[in-house]
N, C-alpha and C. Protein backbone atom coordinates (compact mmCIF):
# COMPACT_ATOMS: atom_id res chain seq x y z
N MET A 1 -36.93 30.59 5.24
CA MET A 1 -36.03 30.60 6.92
C MET A 1 -34.65 29.92 6.19
N THR A 2 -33.61 29.83 6.58
CA THR A 2 -32.28 29.34 6.49
C THR A 2 -32.11 28.27 7.42
N PRO A 3 -31.88 27.11 7.11
CA PRO A 3 -31.58 25.91 7.56
C PRO A 3 -30.39 26.38 8.83
N LYS A 4 -30.59 25.27 9.84
CA LYS A 4 -29.38 25.30 10.88
C LYS A 4 -28.45 24.63 10.74
N ILE A 5 -27.41 25.00 11.12
CA ILE A 5 -26.05 24.27 10.95
C ILE A 5 -25.94 22.76 11.99
N ARG A 6 -26.30 21.85 11.39
CA ARG A 6 -26.49 20.50 12.24
C ARG A 6 -24.77 20.36 12.80
N VAL A 7 -24.78 20.08 14.14
CA VAL A 7 -23.28 20.03 14.64
C VAL A 7 -23.74 18.97 15.36
N ALA A 8 -22.95 17.56 15.66
CA ALA A 8 -22.27 16.83 16.01
C ALA A 8 -21.35 16.87 17.70
N ILE A 9 -20.68 16.47 17.70
CA ILE A 9 -19.88 17.00 19.93
C ILE A 9 -19.90 14.98 19.70
N VAL A 10 -18.58 14.93 19.57
CA VAL A 10 -17.97 13.47 19.44
C VAL A 10 -17.18 14.10 20.97
N ASP A 11 -17.03 13.49 22.22
CA ASP A 11 -16.15 13.45 23.30
C ASP A 11 -16.24 12.94 23.86
N ASP A 12 -15.51 12.24 24.74
CA ASP A 12 -15.53 11.30 25.37
C ASP A 12 -15.44 11.25 27.17
N HIS A 13 -15.84 12.48 27.28
CA HIS A 13 -15.55 13.50 28.76
C HIS A 13 -17.08 14.25 28.56
N PRO A 14 -18.31 13.33 29.13
CA PRO A 14 -19.53 14.16 29.08
C PRO A 14 -19.98 15.95 29.86
N MET A 15 -19.04 15.88 30.51
CA MET A 15 -19.67 17.45 30.83
C MET A 15 -18.87 18.18 29.89
N VAL A 16 -17.58 17.92 29.40
CA VAL A 16 -17.00 18.99 28.13
C VAL A 16 -18.27 19.14 26.84
N ALA A 17 -18.73 17.76 26.77
CA ALA A 17 -20.04 17.14 25.77
C ALA A 17 -21.02 18.16 25.85
N GLU A 18 -21.62 18.34 27.08
CA GLU A 18 -22.85 18.84 27.52
C GLU A 18 -22.21 20.38 28.02
N GLY A 19 -21.39 20.21 27.67
CA GLY A 19 -21.48 21.97 28.22
C GLY A 19 -21.21 22.32 26.88
N ILE A 20 -20.84 21.84 26.03
CA ILE A 20 -20.65 22.44 24.54
C ILE A 20 -21.64 22.83 23.76
N GLN A 21 -22.99 21.38 24.43
CA GLN A 21 -24.03 21.62 23.75
C GLN A 21 -24.58 22.49 23.87
N SER A 22 -24.63 22.79 25.60
CA SER A 22 -25.41 24.16 26.04
C SER A 22 -25.43 25.40 25.59
N ILE A 23 -24.09 25.83 25.35
CA ILE A 23 -23.56 26.73 25.06
C ILE A 23 -24.08 26.81 23.11
N LEU A 24 -23.66 26.33 22.21
CA LEU A 24 -24.52 25.78 21.04
C LEU A 24 -25.79 26.11 21.27
N GLU A 25 -26.53 25.49 21.94
CA GLU A 25 -28.13 25.68 21.55
C GLU A 25 -28.70 26.80 22.22
N SER A 26 -27.52 27.56 22.35
CA SER A 26 -27.86 28.95 23.17
C SER A 26 -27.80 29.92 21.28
N TYR A 27 -27.74 29.31 20.25
CA TYR A 27 -27.46 29.86 19.14
C TYR A 27 -28.95 29.01 18.53
N ASP A 28 -29.58 30.75 17.75
CA ASP A 28 -30.92 30.07 16.94
C ASP A 28 -30.15 29.33 15.63
N ASP A 29 -29.36 29.64 15.23
CA ASP A 29 -28.80 28.89 13.46
C ASP A 29 -28.28 27.53 13.56
N VAL A 30 -28.21 27.14 15.46
CA VAL A 30 -27.35 26.00 15.70
C VAL A 30 -28.41 24.51 15.45
N GLU A 31 -28.14 23.46 15.38
CA GLU A 31 -28.75 22.39 16.00
C GLU A 31 -28.10 21.50 16.18
N VAL A 32 -28.25 21.18 17.68
CA VAL A 32 -26.98 19.51 18.14
C VAL A 32 -27.81 18.39 18.06
N VAL A 33 -27.20 17.75 17.00
CA VAL A 33 -27.37 16.41 16.27
C VAL A 33 -27.25 15.09 17.18
N ALA A 34 -26.15 15.88 17.71
CA ALA A 34 -26.12 13.85 18.82
C ALA A 34 -25.09 14.92 19.12
N THR A 35 -24.72 13.83 21.06
CA THR A 35 -23.49 14.45 21.80
C THR A 35 -23.06 12.49 21.84
N LEU A 36 -21.48 12.40 21.17
CA LEU A 36 -21.21 11.05 21.32
C LEU A 36 -20.01 10.64 21.74
N SER A 37 -19.41 9.73 22.31
CA SER A 37 -18.59 9.28 23.36
C SER A 37 -17.03 8.87 22.66
N ASP A 38 -17.58 8.43 21.14
CA ASP A 38 -16.38 7.76 20.49
C ASP A 38 -16.73 7.92 19.39
N GLY A 39 -15.48 7.38 18.39
CA GLY A 39 -14.49 7.74 16.96
C GLY A 39 -15.90 7.13 15.73
N GLN A 40 -15.88 5.59 16.71
CA GLN A 40 -16.62 4.45 16.55
C GLN A 40 -17.68 4.80 16.10
N GLN A 41 -19.03 5.30 17.18
CA GLN A 41 -20.39 5.78 17.18
C GLN A 41 -20.44 7.12 16.22
N ILE A 42 -19.64 7.87 15.81
CA ILE A 42 -19.75 8.87 15.25
C ILE A 42 -20.18 8.12 13.50
N LEU A 43 -18.64 7.25 13.35
CA LEU A 43 -18.32 6.28 11.97
C LEU A 43 -20.28 5.46 11.39
N ASP A 44 -20.72 5.25 12.94
CA ASP A 44 -21.78 4.26 12.39
C ASP A 44 -23.28 5.52 12.24
N GLN A 45 -22.77 6.01 13.06
CA GLN A 45 -24.45 7.80 12.85
C GLN A 45 -24.43 8.50 12.19
N VAL A 46 -22.58 8.75 11.52
CA VAL A 46 -23.16 9.72 10.68
C VAL A 46 -23.71 10.25 9.53
N THR A 47 -24.19 8.94 8.55
CA THR A 47 -24.92 8.87 7.68
C THR A 47 -26.61 9.78 7.86
N ALA A 48 -26.80 8.76 9.33
CA ALA A 48 -28.14 9.12 9.63
C ALA A 48 -28.83 10.27 10.37
N LEU A 49 -27.51 10.85 10.58
CA LEU A 49 -27.38 12.56 11.68
C LEU A 49 -27.01 13.31 10.07
N ALA A 50 -26.55 13.09 10.10
CA ALA A 50 -26.17 13.83 8.84
C ALA A 50 -25.25 15.60 9.21
N PRO A 51 -24.24 15.47 9.67
CA PRO A 51 -24.24 16.68 10.45
C PRO A 51 -23.27 17.78 9.67
N ASP A 52 -23.10 18.63 9.62
CA ASP A 52 -22.66 19.85 9.11
C ASP A 52 -21.63 20.32 9.41
N VAL A 53 -20.97 20.03 10.62
CA VAL A 53 -19.77 20.10 11.48
C VAL A 53 -19.94 19.16 12.72
N ILE A 54 -18.68 18.50 12.44
CA ILE A 54 -18.63 17.45 13.53
C ILE A 54 -16.89 18.00 14.77
N LEU A 55 -17.69 18.33 15.61
CA LEU A 55 -16.92 18.69 16.83
C LEU A 55 -16.08 17.55 17.55
N LEU A 56 -14.81 17.01 17.11
CA LEU A 56 -14.47 15.88 17.30
C LEU A 56 -13.10 16.31 18.07
N ASP A 57 -12.95 15.43 19.81
CA ASP A 57 -11.78 15.42 20.49
C ASP A 57 -10.79 14.68 19.60
N LEU A 58 -9.62 14.87 20.49
CA LEU A 58 -8.67 14.33 19.48
C LEU A 58 -8.00 13.01 19.96
N ASN A 59 -8.60 13.29 21.79
CA ASN A 59 -8.02 11.67 22.27
C ASN A 59 -8.84 11.33 22.78
N MET A 60 -9.46 10.10 22.44
CA MET A 60 -10.28 9.62 22.73
C MET A 60 -9.95 7.55 22.79
N PRO A 61 -10.68 7.02 24.01
CA PRO A 61 -10.34 5.16 23.33
C PRO A 61 -11.13 4.89 22.21
N GLY A 62 -10.18 4.15 22.06
CA GLY A 62 -10.82 3.39 20.48
C GLY A 62 -10.17 3.67 19.67
N LEU A 63 -11.09 4.23 18.91
CA LEU A 63 -10.37 5.22 17.51
C LEU A 63 -10.58 6.36 17.95
N GLY A 64 -9.23 7.02 18.01
CA GLY A 64 -8.99 8.56 18.04
C GLY A 64 -9.47 9.46 17.11
N GLY A 65 -9.16 10.24 17.34
CA GLY A 65 -9.50 11.74 15.95
C GLY A 65 -8.63 11.75 15.65
N LEU A 66 -8.15 11.35 14.96
CA LEU A 66 -7.26 11.58 13.83
C LEU A 66 -7.74 10.09 12.58
N SER A 67 -7.34 9.00 13.19
CA SER A 67 -8.36 8.24 12.52
C SER A 67 -10.03 8.11 12.01
N THR A 68 -10.67 8.57 13.34
CA THR A 68 -12.04 9.17 13.37
C THR A 68 -11.92 9.91 11.66
N THR A 69 -11.54 11.04 11.68
CA THR A 69 -11.26 11.96 10.90
C THR A 69 -11.00 11.80 9.58
N GLU A 70 -10.34 10.40 9.59
CA GLU A 70 -9.39 10.06 8.17
C GLU A 70 -10.72 9.24 7.22
N ILE A 71 -11.28 8.31 8.52
CA ILE A 71 -12.39 7.23 7.77
C ILE A 71 -13.50 8.02 7.57
N LEU A 72 -13.99 9.42 8.43
CA LEU A 72 -15.52 9.87 8.26
C LEU A 72 -14.76 11.07 6.86
N LEU A 73 -13.86 11.29 6.10
CA LEU A 73 -14.02 12.40 5.38
C LEU A 73 -13.43 11.17 3.99
N GLU A 74 -13.33 10.10 4.11
CA GLU A 74 -13.03 9.60 2.98
C GLU A 74 -14.24 9.15 2.82
N GLN A 75 -15.23 8.97 3.83
CA GLN A 75 -16.30 8.01 3.12
C GLN A 75 -17.47 9.64 3.03
N HIS A 76 -17.75 10.37 3.66
CA HIS A 76 -18.06 11.94 3.94
C HIS A 76 -17.60 12.93 2.83
N PRO A 77 -16.54 12.96 1.88
CA PRO A 77 -15.59 14.60 2.09
C PRO A 77 -16.01 15.64 2.25
N GLU A 78 -17.32 16.32 2.16
CA GLU A 78 -18.51 16.86 1.97
C GLU A 78 -18.31 17.20 3.72
N THR A 79 -18.12 16.50 4.67
CA THR A 79 -18.12 16.74 5.98
C THR A 79 -17.18 17.60 6.89
N ARG A 80 -17.72 18.84 7.56
CA ARG A 80 -15.74 19.78 7.93
C ARG A 80 -16.10 19.63 9.55
N ILE A 81 -14.78 19.29 9.35
CA ILE A 81 -14.59 18.74 11.02
C ILE A 81 -13.45 19.74 11.73
N LEU A 82 -13.82 19.55 12.94
CA LEU A 82 -12.93 20.46 13.94
C LEU A 82 -12.97 19.97 14.69
N ILE A 83 -11.78 19.91 14.67
CA ILE A 83 -11.04 19.02 15.99
C ILE A 83 -10.98 20.20 17.89
N LEU A 84 -10.99 19.42 18.46
CA LEU A 84 -11.63 19.76 19.42
C LEU A 84 -10.02 19.31 20.71
N SER A 85 -9.35 19.54 21.47
CA SER A 85 -8.05 19.46 21.92
C SER A 85 -7.79 20.05 23.29
N MET A 86 -7.11 19.60 24.54
CA MET A 86 -6.56 20.16 25.07
C MET A 86 -4.78 20.56 24.49
N HIS A 87 -4.05 19.83 23.69
CA HIS A 87 -3.44 19.96 23.53
C HIS A 87 -3.01 21.12 22.25
N ASP A 88 -1.75 21.41 22.75
CA ASP A 88 -1.01 23.22 22.01
C ASP A 88 -0.33 22.76 21.20
N SER A 89 0.17 21.73 20.81
CA SER A 89 1.76 21.84 20.46
C SER A 89 1.47 21.38 18.62
N PRO A 90 2.83 22.11 18.10
CA PRO A 90 2.24 21.86 16.50
C PRO A 90 1.84 20.72 16.22
N GLU A 91 2.83 19.93 16.63
CA GLU A 91 3.12 18.35 15.96
C GLU A 91 1.08 18.31 15.75
N TYR A 92 0.77 18.32 17.31
CA TYR A 92 -1.26 17.48 17.21
C TYR A 92 -1.30 18.35 16.41
N ILE A 93 -1.51 20.07 16.41
CA ILE A 93 -2.37 20.53 15.59
C ILE A 93 -1.94 20.61 14.29
N SER A 94 -0.57 20.58 13.46
CA SER A 94 -0.13 20.01 11.80
C SER A 94 -0.92 18.83 12.11
N SER A 95 -0.61 17.56 12.54
CA SER A 95 -1.40 16.15 12.23
C SER A 95 -2.76 16.34 12.28
N ALA A 96 -3.71 17.28 12.61
CA ALA A 96 -5.07 17.06 12.36
C ALA A 96 -5.26 18.04 11.34
N LEU A 97 -4.55 18.65 10.45
CA LEU A 97 -4.97 19.92 9.49
C LEU A 97 -4.52 18.78 8.52
N SER A 98 -2.93 17.75 8.65
CA SER A 98 -2.84 17.24 7.54
C SER A 98 -3.66 15.85 7.25
N HIS A 99 -4.79 15.50 8.46
CA HIS A 99 -5.72 14.60 7.96
C HIS A 99 -7.12 14.56 7.46
N GLY A 100 -6.95 16.13 7.29
CA GLY A 100 -8.51 16.17 6.56
C GLY A 100 -8.88 17.33 7.77
N ALA A 101 -9.18 17.44 8.79
CA ALA A 101 -9.32 18.68 9.77
C ALA A 101 -9.36 20.04 8.73
N MET A 102 -10.82 20.95 9.20
CA MET A 102 -10.87 21.90 8.88
C MET A 102 -10.41 23.08 9.61
N GLY A 103 -10.34 23.05 11.45
CA GLY A 103 -10.29 23.61 11.91
C GLY A 103 -9.74 23.44 13.09
N TYR A 104 -8.94 23.75 14.06
CA TYR A 104 -8.59 23.46 15.36
C TYR A 104 -8.42 24.17 16.45
N VAL A 105 -10.10 23.69 17.66
CA VAL A 105 -9.91 24.44 18.89
C VAL A 105 -9.57 23.58 20.10
N LEU A 106 -8.52 25.17 20.76
CA LEU A 106 -8.32 24.59 22.63
C LEU A 106 -9.91 24.66 22.81
N LYS A 107 -9.96 23.47 24.03
CA LYS A 107 -10.75 23.47 24.81
C LYS A 107 -11.12 24.85 26.05
N ASP A 108 -9.91 25.34 25.98
CA ASP A 108 -10.17 26.20 26.66
C ASP A 108 -10.70 27.67 26.49
N VAL A 109 -10.48 27.65 24.61
CA VAL A 109 -11.41 28.91 23.93
C VAL A 109 -12.53 29.13 24.78
N PRO A 110 -12.64 30.87 24.97
CA PRO A 110 -13.91 31.45 24.87
C PRO A 110 -14.88 31.01 24.04
N THR A 111 -16.38 30.46 24.81
CA THR A 111 -17.19 29.93 24.39
C THR A 111 -17.90 30.34 22.97
N ASP A 112 -17.78 31.71 22.60
CA ASP A 112 -18.36 32.53 21.25
C ASP A 112 -17.25 32.40 20.29
N GLU A 113 -16.48 31.34 20.59
CA GLU A 113 -14.95 30.97 20.11
C GLU A 113 -15.64 29.81 18.95
N ILE A 114 -16.13 28.68 19.75
CA ILE A 114 -16.69 27.62 19.32
C ILE A 114 -17.32 27.84 17.84
N LYS A 115 -18.70 28.85 18.36
CA LYS A 115 -19.32 29.39 17.08
C LYS A 115 -18.95 29.96 15.81
N THR A 116 -17.67 30.79 16.60
CA THR A 116 -17.05 31.73 14.88
C THR A 116 -16.31 30.60 14.66
N ALA A 117 -16.05 29.61 15.21
CA ALA A 117 -14.67 28.30 13.90
C ALA A 117 -16.00 27.45 13.40
N ILE A 118 -17.14 27.60 14.08
CA ILE A 118 -18.37 26.52 13.08
C ILE A 118 -18.79 27.42 11.55
N ASP A 119 -18.62 28.83 12.22
CA ASP A 119 -19.20 30.19 11.08
C ASP A 119 -18.37 29.80 10.44
N ARG A 120 -16.59 29.47 10.05
CA ARG A 120 -15.76 29.89 9.72
C ARG A 120 -15.40 28.59 8.62
N VAL A 121 -15.84 27.58 9.27
CA VAL A 121 -15.89 26.30 8.38
C VAL A 121 -16.89 25.87 7.41
N MET A 122 -18.21 26.54 8.28
CA MET A 122 -19.31 26.73 7.07
C MET A 122 -18.78 27.23 5.53
N ALA A 123 -18.22 27.91 6.45
CA ALA A 123 -17.87 29.22 4.71
C ALA A 123 -16.72 28.36 3.94
N GLY A 124 -16.36 27.58 4.55
CA GLY A 124 -15.40 27.37 3.85
C GLY A 124 -13.92 27.03 3.99
N GLU A 125 -13.51 27.94 4.93
CA GLU A 125 -12.20 28.45 5.37
C GLU A 125 -11.52 27.51 6.59
N ARG A 126 -10.08 27.74 6.73
CA ARG A 126 -9.68 27.09 7.68
C ARG A 126 -9.52 27.43 8.96
N TYR A 127 -10.23 27.19 10.53
CA TYR A 127 -10.30 27.54 11.54
C TYR A 127 -8.70 27.34 12.28
N LEU A 128 -8.23 28.42 13.63
CA LEU A 128 -7.41 27.49 14.27
C LEU A 128 -7.40 28.92 15.69
N CYS A 129 -8.21 28.43 16.55
CA CYS A 129 -7.94 29.27 18.09
C CYS A 129 -6.94 30.06 18.31
N THR A 130 -6.70 31.46 18.70
CA THR A 130 -5.91 31.90 18.72
C THR A 130 -4.95 31.14 19.46
N GLY A 131 -5.07 30.43 20.20
CA GLY A 131 -3.36 29.40 21.18
C GLY A 131 -3.34 28.92 20.26
N ALA A 132 -3.98 28.10 19.08
CA ALA A 132 -3.04 27.47 18.03
C ALA A 132 -2.66 27.70 17.66
N LYS A 133 -3.46 28.54 16.84
CA LYS A 133 -2.60 29.75 15.64
C LYS A 133 -0.96 29.95 16.18
N GLY A 134 -1.16 30.61 17.21
CA GLY A 134 0.40 30.60 18.01
C GLY A 134 1.32 29.33 18.11
N SER A 135 0.83 27.85 18.15
CA SER A 135 1.90 27.85 18.42
C SER A 135 2.20 26.41 17.24
N LEU A 136 1.50 27.15 15.99
CA LEU A 136 1.94 27.07 14.70
C LEU A 136 2.70 27.90 14.08
N GLU A 137 3.55 28.51 13.77
CA GLU A 137 3.91 29.81 13.08
C GLU A 137 4.32 29.38 11.62
N PRO A 138 4.25 29.97 11.03
CA PRO A 138 2.93 30.10 10.37
C PRO A 138 2.34 28.45 9.44
N PHE A 139 1.93 28.65 9.23
CA PHE A 139 0.93 27.14 8.53
C PHE A 139 1.07 27.65 7.28
N ASP A 140 1.85 27.35 6.55
CA ASP A 140 1.32 27.53 5.11
C ASP A 140 3.11 26.58 4.26
N ASP A 141 2.69 26.95 3.02
CA ASP A 141 3.38 26.20 2.21
C ASP A 141 5.07 25.94 1.78
N SER A 142 5.26 27.59 2.08
CA SER A 142 6.31 27.89 1.44
C SER A 142 7.74 27.57 1.60
N ASN A 143 7.95 26.49 2.84
CA ASN A 143 9.20 26.03 3.17
C ASN A 143 8.84 24.25 2.23
N ARG A 144 8.55 23.96 1.50
CA ARG A 144 7.37 22.56 0.98
C ARG A 144 8.55 22.26 0.50
N GLU A 145 8.74 21.31 0.21
CA GLU A 145 9.75 20.90 -1.25
C GLU A 145 9.07 20.50 -2.42
N GLN A 146 9.46 21.12 -3.27
CA GLN A 146 8.78 21.23 -5.02
C GLN A 146 8.05 19.91 -5.21
N LEU A 147 6.78 19.59 -5.75
CA LEU A 147 6.58 17.88 -6.06
C LEU A 147 7.36 18.20 -7.83
N THR A 148 7.70 17.71 -8.03
CA THR A 148 7.99 17.46 -9.44
C THR A 148 6.50 17.18 -10.23
N ASN A 149 6.87 17.17 -11.93
CA ASN A 149 5.42 17.30 -13.21
C ASN A 149 5.36 16.07 -12.54
N ARG A 150 6.04 15.10 -12.23
CA ARG A 150 5.10 13.72 -12.23
C ARG A 150 4.27 13.59 -11.22
N GLU A 151 4.85 13.94 -10.10
CA GLU A 151 4.38 14.03 -8.82
C GLU A 151 2.74 14.88 -8.81
N GLN A 152 2.80 16.22 -9.21
CA GLN A 152 1.51 16.89 -9.34
C GLN A 152 0.48 16.04 -10.57
N THR A 153 0.58 15.39 -11.35
CA THR A 153 0.02 14.49 -12.70
C THR A 153 -0.81 12.99 -11.48
N ILE A 154 0.50 13.08 -10.82
CA ILE A 154 -0.22 11.74 -9.75
C ILE A 154 -0.89 12.62 -8.76
N LEU A 155 -0.84 13.38 -8.11
CA LEU A 155 -1.75 14.39 -6.94
C LEU A 155 -3.00 13.91 -8.09
N LEU A 156 -2.54 14.93 -8.81
CA LEU A 156 -4.45 15.41 -9.45
C LEU A 156 -5.52 14.14 -9.69
N GLN A 157 -4.62 12.70 -10.14
CA GLN A 157 -4.83 11.55 -10.42
C GLN A 157 -5.74 10.79 -9.16
N LEU A 158 -4.82 10.94 -8.32
CA LEU A 158 -5.25 11.04 -6.23
C LEU A 158 -6.19 11.35 -6.05
N ALA A 159 -6.71 12.66 -6.19
CA ALA A 159 -7.53 13.76 -5.88
C ALA A 159 -8.77 13.74 -6.07
N GLN A 160 -9.05 13.28 -8.03
CA GLN A 160 -10.33 12.40 -8.90
C GLN A 160 -10.59 11.18 -8.01
N GLY A 161 -9.98 10.69 -6.96
CA GLY A 161 -10.26 9.64 -6.45
C GLY A 161 -10.04 8.19 -7.14
N LYS A 162 -8.91 8.67 -7.87
CA LYS A 162 -8.15 7.13 -8.52
C LYS A 162 -7.58 6.09 -8.01
N SER A 163 -7.99 4.85 -7.54
CA SER A 163 -6.73 3.83 -6.92
C SER A 163 -5.74 3.70 -7.58
N ASN A 164 -4.42 3.37 -7.05
CA ASN A 164 -3.52 3.13 -7.64
C ASN A 164 -2.89 2.54 -8.39
N ARG A 165 -3.81 1.41 -9.44
CA ARG A 165 -4.02 0.46 -10.35
C ARG A 165 -4.57 1.32 -11.33
N ASP A 166 -5.70 2.67 -10.59
CA ASP A 166 -5.99 2.82 -11.72
C ASP A 166 -5.30 4.07 -12.50
N VAL A 167 -4.54 4.44 -11.81
CA VAL A 167 -2.91 5.76 -11.98
C VAL A 167 -2.17 5.18 -12.92
N ALA A 168 -1.86 3.49 -12.43
CA ALA A 168 -1.02 3.11 -12.96
C ALA A 168 -0.81 2.66 -14.63
N GLU A 169 -2.66 2.57 -15.01
CA GLU A 169 -2.67 2.30 -16.12
C GLU A 169 -3.32 3.63 -16.80
N ALA A 170 -3.72 4.21 -16.21
CA ALA A 170 -3.22 5.62 -17.00
C ALA A 170 -2.25 6.20 -17.23
N LEU A 171 -1.14 6.36 -16.55
CA LEU A 171 0.20 6.49 -16.89
C LEU A 171 1.23 5.56 -17.59
N ASP A 172 0.32 4.25 -17.68
CA ASP A 172 1.48 3.74 -17.93
C ASP A 172 2.88 3.16 -17.17
N ILE A 173 2.32 2.79 -15.88
CA ILE A 173 3.41 2.96 -15.13
C ILE A 173 3.42 1.18 -14.29
N SER A 174 4.22 1.50 -13.50
CA SER A 174 3.72 0.34 -12.42
C SER A 174 3.00 0.39 -11.17
N VAL A 175 2.57 -0.24 -10.57
CA VAL A 175 1.69 0.37 -9.42
C VAL A 175 3.12 0.49 -8.13
N ARG A 176 3.75 -0.16 -8.50
CA ARG A 176 4.57 0.29 -7.29
C ARG A 176 5.38 1.45 -7.00
N THR A 177 5.60 1.66 -8.78
CA THR A 177 5.91 3.17 -8.62
C THR A 177 5.32 4.38 -8.13
N VAL A 178 3.78 4.01 -8.71
CA VAL A 178 2.86 4.65 -7.87
C VAL A 178 2.94 4.70 -6.71
N GLU A 179 2.75 3.81 -5.87
CA GLU A 179 2.74 4.36 -4.44
C GLU A 179 4.51 4.55 -3.86
N THR A 180 5.33 4.86 -4.78
CA THR A 180 6.30 5.19 -4.31
C THR A 180 6.29 6.43 -4.33
N HIS A 181 5.71 6.86 -5.47
CA HIS A 181 5.16 8.59 -5.83
C HIS A 181 4.27 8.88 -4.84
N ARG A 182 3.41 8.36 -4.24
CA ARG A 182 2.13 8.34 -3.53
C ARG A 182 2.83 9.14 -2.48
N LYS A 183 3.87 8.20 -1.68
CA LYS A 183 4.77 8.60 -0.19
C LYS A 183 5.51 9.68 -0.56
N ASN A 184 6.13 9.63 -1.94
CA ASN A 184 7.10 10.92 -1.92
C ASN A 184 5.83 12.42 -1.87
N ILE A 185 4.88 12.24 -2.43
CA ILE A 185 4.36 13.24 -2.10
C ILE A 185 3.56 13.81 -1.41
N LYS A 186 2.76 12.54 -0.03
CA LYS A 186 2.99 12.64 1.16
C LYS A 186 4.06 13.20 2.01
N ARG A 187 4.75 12.69 1.91
CA ARG A 187 5.62 13.22 3.02
C ARG A 187 5.98 15.06 2.56
N LYS A 188 6.48 15.23 0.99
CA LYS A 188 6.72 16.39 0.57
C LYS A 188 6.11 17.42 1.30
N LEU A 189 4.49 17.33 1.22
CA LEU A 189 3.10 18.26 1.89
C LEU A 189 3.05 18.03 2.84
N GLY A 190 3.69 17.01 3.62
CA GLY A 190 3.01 16.72 5.33
C GLY A 190 1.87 16.71 5.37
N ILE A 191 1.30 15.60 4.97
CA ILE A 191 -0.12 15.58 4.81
C ILE A 191 0.40 13.12 4.84
N SER A 192 -0.73 12.79 5.63
CA SER A 192 -0.75 11.90 5.90
C SER A 192 -1.72 10.48 5.81
N SER A 193 -2.58 11.39 4.88
CA SER A 193 -3.77 10.39 4.46
C SER A 193 -4.19 10.79 3.20
N THR A 194 -4.90 9.91 2.59
CA THR A 194 -5.72 10.01 1.70
C THR A 194 -7.08 11.64 1.06
N ALA A 195 -7.41 11.06 2.40
CA ALA A 195 -8.59 12.57 2.68
C ALA A 195 -7.88 13.95 2.73
N GLY A 196 -6.75 13.77 3.13
CA GLY A 196 -6.13 15.00 2.87
C GLY A 196 -5.04 15.52 1.80
N LEU A 197 -4.83 14.82 1.44
CA LEU A 197 -4.67 14.51 0.15
C LEU A 197 -5.73 15.66 -1.36
N THR A 198 -6.79 15.27 -1.31
CA THR A 198 -8.19 15.65 -1.43
C THR A 198 -8.30 17.12 -1.04
N ARG A 199 -8.18 16.62 0.18
CA ARG A 199 -8.54 18.25 0.12
C ARG A 199 -7.57 19.44 -0.26
N TYR A 200 -5.88 18.70 -0.31
CA TYR A 200 -5.00 20.01 -0.23
C TYR A 200 -5.74 20.45 -2.01
N ALA A 201 -5.65 19.62 -3.03
CA ALA A 201 -5.38 19.50 -3.72
C ALA A 201 -6.58 20.98 -4.59
N MET A 202 -7.93 19.98 -3.53
CA MET A 202 -9.31 21.38 -3.33
C MET A 202 -8.66 22.49 -3.13
N GLU A 203 -7.87 22.78 -2.45
CA GLU A 203 -7.71 23.98 -1.73
C GLU A 203 -7.00 24.79 -2.85
N HIS A 204 -5.82 23.82 -3.14
CA HIS A 204 -5.00 24.65 -4.15
C HIS A 204 -4.97 25.01 -5.33
N GLY A 205 -6.94 24.64 -5.91
CA GLY A 205 -6.90 24.22 -8.01
C GLY A 205 -6.20 23.37 -8.19
N VAL A 206 -5.82 22.50 -7.93
CA VAL A 206 -5.10 21.31 -8.38
C VAL A 206 -6.39 20.50 -9.18
N LEU A 207 -7.40 20.31 -8.61
CA LEU A 207 -8.97 20.11 -9.41
C LEU A 207 -9.09 20.58 -10.29
N GLN A 208 -8.67 21.60 -10.59
CA GLN A 208 -9.62 22.70 -11.71
C GLN A 208 -7.86 22.93 -13.16
N GLY A 209 -7.31 22.29 -12.56
CA GLY A 209 -6.04 22.51 -13.60
C GLY A 209 -5.33 23.03 -13.76
N THR A 210 -5.12 24.05 -12.23
CA THR A 210 -4.38 25.26 -12.51
C THR A 210 -2.95 24.99 -11.38
N GLY A 211 -2.56 23.54 -11.66
CA GLY A 211 -1.41 23.62 -10.97
C GLY A 211 -1.07 23.84 -9.59
N VAL A 212 0.04 23.12 -8.93
CA VAL A 212 -0.48 22.87 -7.64
C VAL A 212 0.98 24.30 -7.19
N LYS A 213 0.28 25.30 -6.36
CA LYS A 213 1.14 26.41 -6.02
C LYS A 213 1.79 26.11 -4.72
N LEU A 214 2.96 25.81 -4.81
CA LEU A 214 3.67 25.68 -3.45
C LEU A 214 4.64 26.31 -3.30
């Protein structure tokens, strides 16, 4: 028997969380393991809950969705995060993706689209709901500034989990130089977190040594 998809819902609006929970529990292959109200709660409980997918509200009191996403992925990089939001602006969507979220779903989507989003990210795909996709035209790498060979080398090192000091020692350069390259890489790729860099490297074959396909 195929294991159920373990889903945690994190939203500070109880009616929203309960509504999504009731929708998801109507599917035989989904188990809602928790409904929580803020980012700190999921950080405290994620190891015990072991969710496959986390549905995460973007705007919450205390620790918001973006910061929660970044911390979760640094601690549990295998976790798939779907951002739930009322906001369809490109800034919100691109920021969520750059922080490492695998998908972005507007709260007013048809109920079955939430399940579709979960299935897609479980398959390792990025998912944008129809409204979000229309706001982000298109999310691709073609207009991004090229990385230099040195920046590609440093991206590979960082994606392998090495610290700035580790990279500096490996390449015989100063830590300050690594920090400068790191900032430039994040700026060029439009990525604001280390977890986002790692996910980018995985998606673009950097970790397989095939180079960055920009």
